[in-house]
Amino acid sequence: MGRYEPASQAFERSAAVNPEDGGVYYDAALAYLRLNNRGRARACLKRALDLRPDLKTHLSADQALNELL
């Protein structure tokens, strides 16, 4: 699992401090996906795209993340 667990925790802390930062939620979605927590990854991705619709252009680079939608 590498360092995805600590990373996901760090992203959650960042989101608590900066709840309007879509990039934090996007990065959290990536970490949760690598941890095979698809439900949490989907929730974070939805929040990221609500805050920053422009992030949708990044989905083509990550097929697994794109499939969450």
C-alpha atoms as a PDB file:
ATOM      1  CA  MET A   1       0.000   0.000   0.000  1.00  0.00           C
ATOM      2  CA  GLY A   2       2.968   2.263   0.183  1.00  0.00           C
ATOM      3  CA  ARG A   3       2.421   5.636   1.711  1.00  0.00           C
ATOM      4  CA  TYR A   4      -1.156   6.101   0.512  1.00  0.00           C
ATOM      5  CA  GLU A   5      -2.670   5.681   3.986  1.00  0.00           C
ATOM      6  CA  PRO A   6      -0.649   8.537   5.526  1.00  0.00           C
ATOM      7  CA  ALA A   7      -1.254  10.566   2.382  1.00  0.00           C
ATOM      8  CA  SER A   8      -5.012  10.103   2.589  1.00  0.00           C
ATOM      9  CA  GLN A   9      -4.943  11.202   6.220  1.00  0.00           C
ATOM     10  CA  ALA A  10      -2.915  14.278   5.323  1.00  0.00           C
ATOM     11  CA  PHE A  11      -5.379  15.168   2.558  1.00  0.00           C
ATOM     12  CA  GLU A  12      -8.284  14.825   5.006  1.00  0.00           C
ATOM     13  CA  ARG A  13      -6.553  17.222   7.399  1.00  0.00           C
ATOM     14  CA  SER A  14      -5.911  19.653   4.545  1.00  0.00           C
ATOM     15  CA  ALA A  15      -9.541  19.451   3.464  1.00  0.00           C
ATOM     16  CA  ALA A  16     -10.652  20.250   7.021  1.00  0.00           C
ATOM     17  CA  VAL A  17      -8.519  23.396   6.971  1.00  0.00           C
ATOM     18  CA  ASN A  18      -9.257  24.318   3.318  1.00  0.00           C
ATOM     19  CA  PRO A  19     -12.706  22.881   2.548  1.00  0.00           C
ATOM     20  CA  GLU A  20     -12.998  24.860  -0.681  1.00  0.00           C
ATOM     21  CA  ASP A  21      -9.747  23.545  -2.201  1.00  0.00           C
ATOM     22  CA  GLY A  22     -10.806  21.155  -4.936  1.00  0.00           C
ATOM     23  CA  GLY A  23      -7.226  20.049  -5.546  1.00  0.00           C
ATOM     24  CA  VAL A  24      -7.007  18.556  -2.067  1.00  0.00           C
ATOM     25  CA  TYR A  25     -10.115  16.451  -2.698  1.00  0.00           C
ATOM     26  CA  TYR A  26      -8.771  15.345  -6.067  1.00  0.00           C
ATOM     27  CA  ASP A  27      -5.505  14.205  -4.510  1.00  0.00           C
ATOM     28  CA  ALA A  28      -7.431  12.475  -1.723  1.00  0.00           C
ATOM     29  CA  ALA A  29      -9.474  10.643  -4.361  1.00  0.00           C
ATOM     30  CA  LEU A  30      -6.278   9.359  -5.950  1.00  0.00           C
ATOM     31  CA  ALA A  31      -4.938   8.139  -2.605  1.00  0.00           C
ATOM     32  CA  TYR A  32      -8.201   6.419  -1.665  1.00  0.00           C
ATOM     33  CA  LEU A  33      -8.376   4.765  -5.055  1.00  0.00           C
ATOM     34  CA  ARG A  34      -4.883   3.305  -4.537  1.00  0.00           C
ATOM     35  CA  LEU A  35      -6.079   2.054  -1.134  1.00  0.00           C
ATOM     36  CA  ASN A  36      -8.983   0.353  -2.938  1.00  0.00           C
ATOM     37  CA  ASN A  37     -11.511   2.483  -1.045  1.00  0.00           C
ATOM     38  CA  ARG A  38     -13.649   3.250  -4.070  1.00  0.00           C
ATOM     39  CA  GLY A  39     -16.545   4.709  -2.096  1.00  0.00           C
ATOM     40  CA  ARG A  40     -14.412   7.334  -0.377  1.00  0.00           C
ATOM     41  CA  ALA A  41     -12.488   7.966  -3.619  1.00  0.00           C
ATOM     42  CA  ARG A  42     -15.767   8.605  -5.458  1.00  0.00           C
ATOM     43  CA  ALA A  43     -16.993  10.998  -2.739  1.00  0.00           C
ATOM     44  CA  CYS A  44     -13.735  12.964  -2.815  1.00  0.00           C
ATOM     45  CA  LEU A  45     -13.723  13.085  -6.598  1.00  0.00           C
ATOM     46  CA  LYS A  46     -17.296  14.378  -6.702  1.00  0.00           C
ATOM     47  CA  ARG A  47     -16.426  17.105  -4.191  1.00  0.00           C
ATOM     48  CA  ALA A  48     -13.297  18.009  -6.178  1.00  0.00           C
ATOM     49  CA  LEU A  49     -15.273  18.373  -9.398  1.00  0.00           C
ATOM     50  CA  ASP A  50     -18.013  20.362  -7.661  1.00  0.00           C
ATOM     51  CA  LEU A  51     -15.395  22.827  -6.484  1.00  0.00           C
ATOM     52  CA  ARG A  52     -13.201  22.758  -9.576  1.00  0.00           C
ATOM     53  CA  PRO A  53     -14.918  21.527 -12.737  1.00  0.00           C
ATOM     54  CA  ASP A  54     -11.686  22.190 -14.650  1.00  0.00           C
ATOM     55  CA  LEU A  55     -10.159  19.144 -12.932  1.00  0.00           C
ATOM     56  CA  LYS A  56     -12.274  16.937 -15.175  1.00  0.00           C
ATOM     57  CA  THR A  57      -9.646  17.405 -17.881  1.00  0.00           C
ATOM     58  CA  HIS A  58      -7.200  15.436 -15.701  1.00  0.00           C
ATOM     59  CA  LEU A  59      -9.422  12.359 -15.639  1.00  0.00           C
ATOM     60  CA  SER A  60      -8.295  11.204 -19.068  1.00  0.00           C
ATOM     61  CA  ALA A  61      -4.833  10.605 -17.599  1.00  0.00           C
ATOM     62  CA  ASP A  62      -6.179   8.210 -14.946  1.00  0.00           C
ATOM     63  CA  GLN A  63      -8.639   5.657 -16.322  1.00  0.00           C
ATOM     64  CA  ALA A  64      -9.398   4.156 -12.887  1.00  0.00           C
ATOM     65  CA  LEU A  65     -10.391   7.541 -11.511  1.00  0.00           C
ATOM     66  CA  ASN A  66     -12.442   8.286 -14.605  1.00  0.00           C
ATOM     67  CA  GLU A  67     -14.394   5.054 -14.062  1.00  0.00           C
ATOM     68  CA  LEU A  68     -15.584   6.272 -10.671  1.00  0.00           C
ATOM     69  CA  LEU A  69     -17.941   8.735 -12.315  1.00  0.00           C
END
